[in-house]
C-alpha atoms as a PDB file:
ATOM      1  CA  UNK A   1      15.771   8.951   7.542  1.00  0.00           C
ATOM      2  CA  UNK A   2      18.700   7.437   5.712  1.00  0.00           C
ATOM      3  CA  UNK A   3      18.354   3.733   8.080  1.00  0.00           C
ATOM      4  CA  UNK A   4      14.307   3.788   6.921  1.00  0.00           C
ATOM      5  CA  UNK A   5      15.031   4.408   3.112  1.00  0.00           C
ATOM      6  CA  UNK A   6      18.234   1.843   3.329  1.00  0.00           C
ATOM      7  CA  UNK A   7      16.109  -0.811   4.328  1.00  0.00           C
ATOM      8  CA  UNK A   8      13.194  -0.093   1.819  1.00  0.00           C
ATOM      9  CA  UNK A   9      14.083  -3.216  -0.125  1.00  0.00           C
ATOM     10  CA  UNK A  10      13.730  -5.385   3.020  1.00  0.00           C
ATOM     11  CA  UNK A  11      10.273  -5.141   3.720  1.00  0.00           C
ATOM     12  CA  UNK A  12       7.636  -2.956   6.001  1.00  0.00           C
ATOM     13  CA  UNK A  13       8.796  -4.702   9.098  1.00  0.00           C
ATOM     14  CA  UNK A  14      12.690  -3.879   8.776  1.00  0.00           C
ATOM     15  CA  UNK A  15      11.681  -0.066   7.851  1.00  0.00           C
ATOM     16  CA  UNK A  16       9.175   0.002  11.186  1.00  0.00           C
ATOM     17  CA  UNK A  17      12.078  -1.125  13.220  1.00  0.00           C
ATOM     18  CA  UNK A  18      14.548   1.544  11.507  1.00  0.00           C
ATOM     19  CA  UNK A  19      12.251   4.031  12.505  1.00  0.00           C
ATOM     20  CA  UNK A  20      11.676   3.005  15.978  1.00  0.00           C
ATOM     21  CA  UNK A  21      15.441   3.795  16.245  1.00  0.00           C
ATOM     22  CA  UNK A  22      15.758   6.988  18.082  1.00  0.00           C
ATOM     23  CA  UNK A  23      17.386   9.225  15.125  1.00  0.00           C
ATOM     24  CA  UNK A  24      14.238   8.859  13.465  1.00  0.00           C
ATOM     25  CA  UNK A  25      12.183  10.889  15.911  1.00  0.00           C
ATOM     26  CA  UNK A  26      14.471  13.281  17.035  1.00  0.00           C
ATOM     27  CA  UNK A  27      14.978  13.935  13.131  1.00  0.00           C
ATOM     28  CA  UNK A  28      11.417  14.592  12.647  1.00  0.00           C
ATOM     29  CA  UNK A  29      11.618  16.580  15.508  1.00  0.00           C
ATOM     30  CA  UNK A  30      14.238  18.914  13.894  1.00  0.00           C
ATOM     31  CA  UNK A  31      12.514  19.489  10.803  1.00  0.00           C
ATOM     32  CA  UNK A  32       9.322  20.261  12.473  1.00  0.00           C
ATOM     33  CA  UNK A  33      11.189  22.788  14.544  1.00  0.00           C
ATOM     34  CA  UNK A  34      12.832  24.135  11.198  1.00  0.00           C
ATOM     35  CA  UNK A  35       9.708  23.970   9.142  1.00  0.00           C
ATOM     36  CA  UNK A  36       7.862  26.562  12.142  1.00  0.00           C
ATOM     37  CA  UNK A  37      10.734  28.757  11.766  1.00  0.00           C
ATOM     38  CA  UNK A  38      10.701  29.335   8.337  1.00  0.00           C
ATOM     39  CA  UNK A  39       7.193  29.856   8.532  1.00  0.00           C
ATOM     40  CA  UNK A  40       7.412  32.322  11.004  1.00  0.00           C
ATOM     41  CA  UNK A  41      10.081  34.122   9.248  1.00  0.00           C
ATOM     42  CA  UNK A  42       7.956  34.470   6.057  1.00  0.00           C
ATOM     43  CA  UNK A  43       4.624  35.318   7.541  1.00  0.00           C
ATOM     44  CA  UNK A  44       6.927  37.893  10.107  1.00  0.00           C
ATOM     45  CA  UNK A  45       6.050  36.576  13.189  1.00  0.00           C
ATOM     46  CA  UNK A  46       7.543  36.842  16.279  1.00  0.00           C
ATOM     47  CA  UNK A  47       8.287  34.123  18.968  1.00  0.00           C
ATOM     48  CA  UNK A  48       7.256  35.167  22.509  1.00  0.00           C
ATOM     49  CA  UNK A  49       9.485  33.281  25.334  1.00  0.00           C
END
């Protein structure tokens, strides 16, 4: 995310280019996994493997 924010002054084109780098999708995936884990912890759901 830091690359996306860093180039925010450059414009939308540069932001989209920065968002296509592999770190952004991976970081979004990690945030989704953490959010799911927190939600399951709060609602006391167990993950079935």
